[in-house]
Protein backbone atom coordinates (compact mmCIF):
# COMPACT_ATOMS: atom_id res chain seq x y z
CA MET A 1 -30.58 6.17 6.99
CA THR A 2 -31.32 2.58 6.13
CA LEU A 3 -28.65 -0.08 5.82
CA ARG A 4 -29.15 -0.18 2.04
CA GLU A 5 -28.65 3.59 1.80
CA PHE A 6 -25.56 3.37 3.99
CA TYR A 7 -24.02 0.69 1.77
CA ALA A 8 -24.82 2.72 -1.35
CA LEU A 9 -23.17 5.78 0.19
CA SER A 10 -20.18 3.69 1.26
CA ASP A 11 -19.79 2.29 -2.27
CA ARG A 12 -19.98 5.79 -3.74
CA CYS A 13 -17.32 6.99 -1.30
CA LYS A 14 -15.05 4.12 -2.36
CA GLN A 15 -15.58 5.00 -6.05
CA VAL A 16 -14.60 8.61 -5.43
CA ARG A 17 -11.54 7.56 -3.41
CA ASP A 18 -10.44 5.19 -6.19
CA TRP A 19 -10.94 7.94 -8.79
CA VAL A 20 -8.84 10.43 -6.78
CA ASN A 21 -6.14 7.79 -6.27
CA SER A 22 -6.11 7.06 -10.00
CA LEU A 23 -5.56 10.77 -10.75
CA ALA A 24 -2.58 10.87 -8.40
CA ALA A 25 -1.25 7.61 -9.87
CA MET A 26 -1.58 9.06 -13.36
CA GLN A 27 0.53 12.06 -12.36
CA CYS A 28 3.19 9.76 -10.89
CA ALA A 29 3.28 7.63 -14.04
CA VAL A 30 3.64 10.72 -16.25
CA MET A 31 6.49 12.07 -14.12
CA VAL A 32 8.34 8.74 -14.14
CA ASN A 33 7.84 8.29 -17.87
CA MET A 34 9.11 11.79 -18.66
CA TRP A 35 12.61 10.95 -17.40
CA ARG A 36 12.79 7.20 -17.83
CA ASP A 37 15.53 5.45 -19.72
CA PRO A 38 14.26 4.69 -23.24
CA LYS A 39 15.45 1.10 -22.79
CA THR A 40 13.09 0.47 -19.88
CA PRO A 41 9.37 -0.15 -20.35
CA PRO A 42 7.06 2.75 -19.51
CA ALA A 43 5.40 2.85 -16.12
CA LYS A 44 1.68 2.16 -15.97
CA VAL A 45 -0.90 3.93 -13.83
CA GLU A 46 -1.62 0.62 -12.10
CA ASP A 47 1.96 0.54 -10.82
CA PHE A 48 1.16 3.49 -8.57
CA MET A 49 -2.32 2.51 -7.39
CA PRO A 50 -2.57 1.75 -3.68
CA GLY A 51 -3.78 -1.67 -2.74
CA LYS A 52 -3.15 -3.16 -6.15
CA ALA A 53 0.10 -4.88 -5.23
CA GLU A 54 -0.25 -8.20 -3.49
CA SER A 55 1.02 -8.03 0.03
CA ARG A 56 3.10 -10.84 1.44
CA LYS A 57 1.94 -12.47 4.64
CA GLN A 58 4.45 -12.66 7.46
CA THR A 59 5.04 -15.90 9.27
CA PRO A 60 4.90 -15.91 13.09
CA GLU A 61 8.68 -16.40 13.14
CA GLN A 62 9.19 -13.28 11.01
CA MET A 63 6.88 -11.28 13.26
CA LEU A 64 8.78 -12.43 16.37
CA ALA A 65 12.11 -11.49 14.77
CA ILE A 66 10.81 -7.97 14.06
CA VAL A 67 9.55 -7.60 17.62
CA LYS A 68 12.93 -8.73 18.96
CA LEU A 69 14.73 -6.16 16.78
CA ILE A 70 12.46 -3.34 17.93
CA HIS A 71 12.80 -4.45 21.56
CA ALA A 72 16.60 -4.54 21.29
CA ALA A 73 16.66 -1.14 19.55
CA HIS A 74 14.94 0.35 22.59
CA GLY A 75 17.45 -1.19 24.98
CA GLY A 76 15.51 -4.26 26.01
CA THR A 77 16.85 -7.74 26.46
CA PHE A 78 15.24 -11.01 25.49
CA SER A 79 15.45 -14.22 27.46
CA THR A 80 14.08 -17.57 26.36
CA ASN A 81 12.98 -18.59 29.90
């Protein structure tokens, strides 16, 4: 398989994955909209698509705080030395 064929196959695989994800997202949107409060706006399919929401980047300080919490939860101690 050439590199061009591999990329074409990879792109096709991504298209199929996106299509399957959109079907699942459509089912979620329908279920939410069936029982939603009439005062709230209807849910859109895009609301349930993976990877569409922008992810927030963590700062190094936030990452360190999370590591400290996990470490403490497992009985570890943290010294600043």
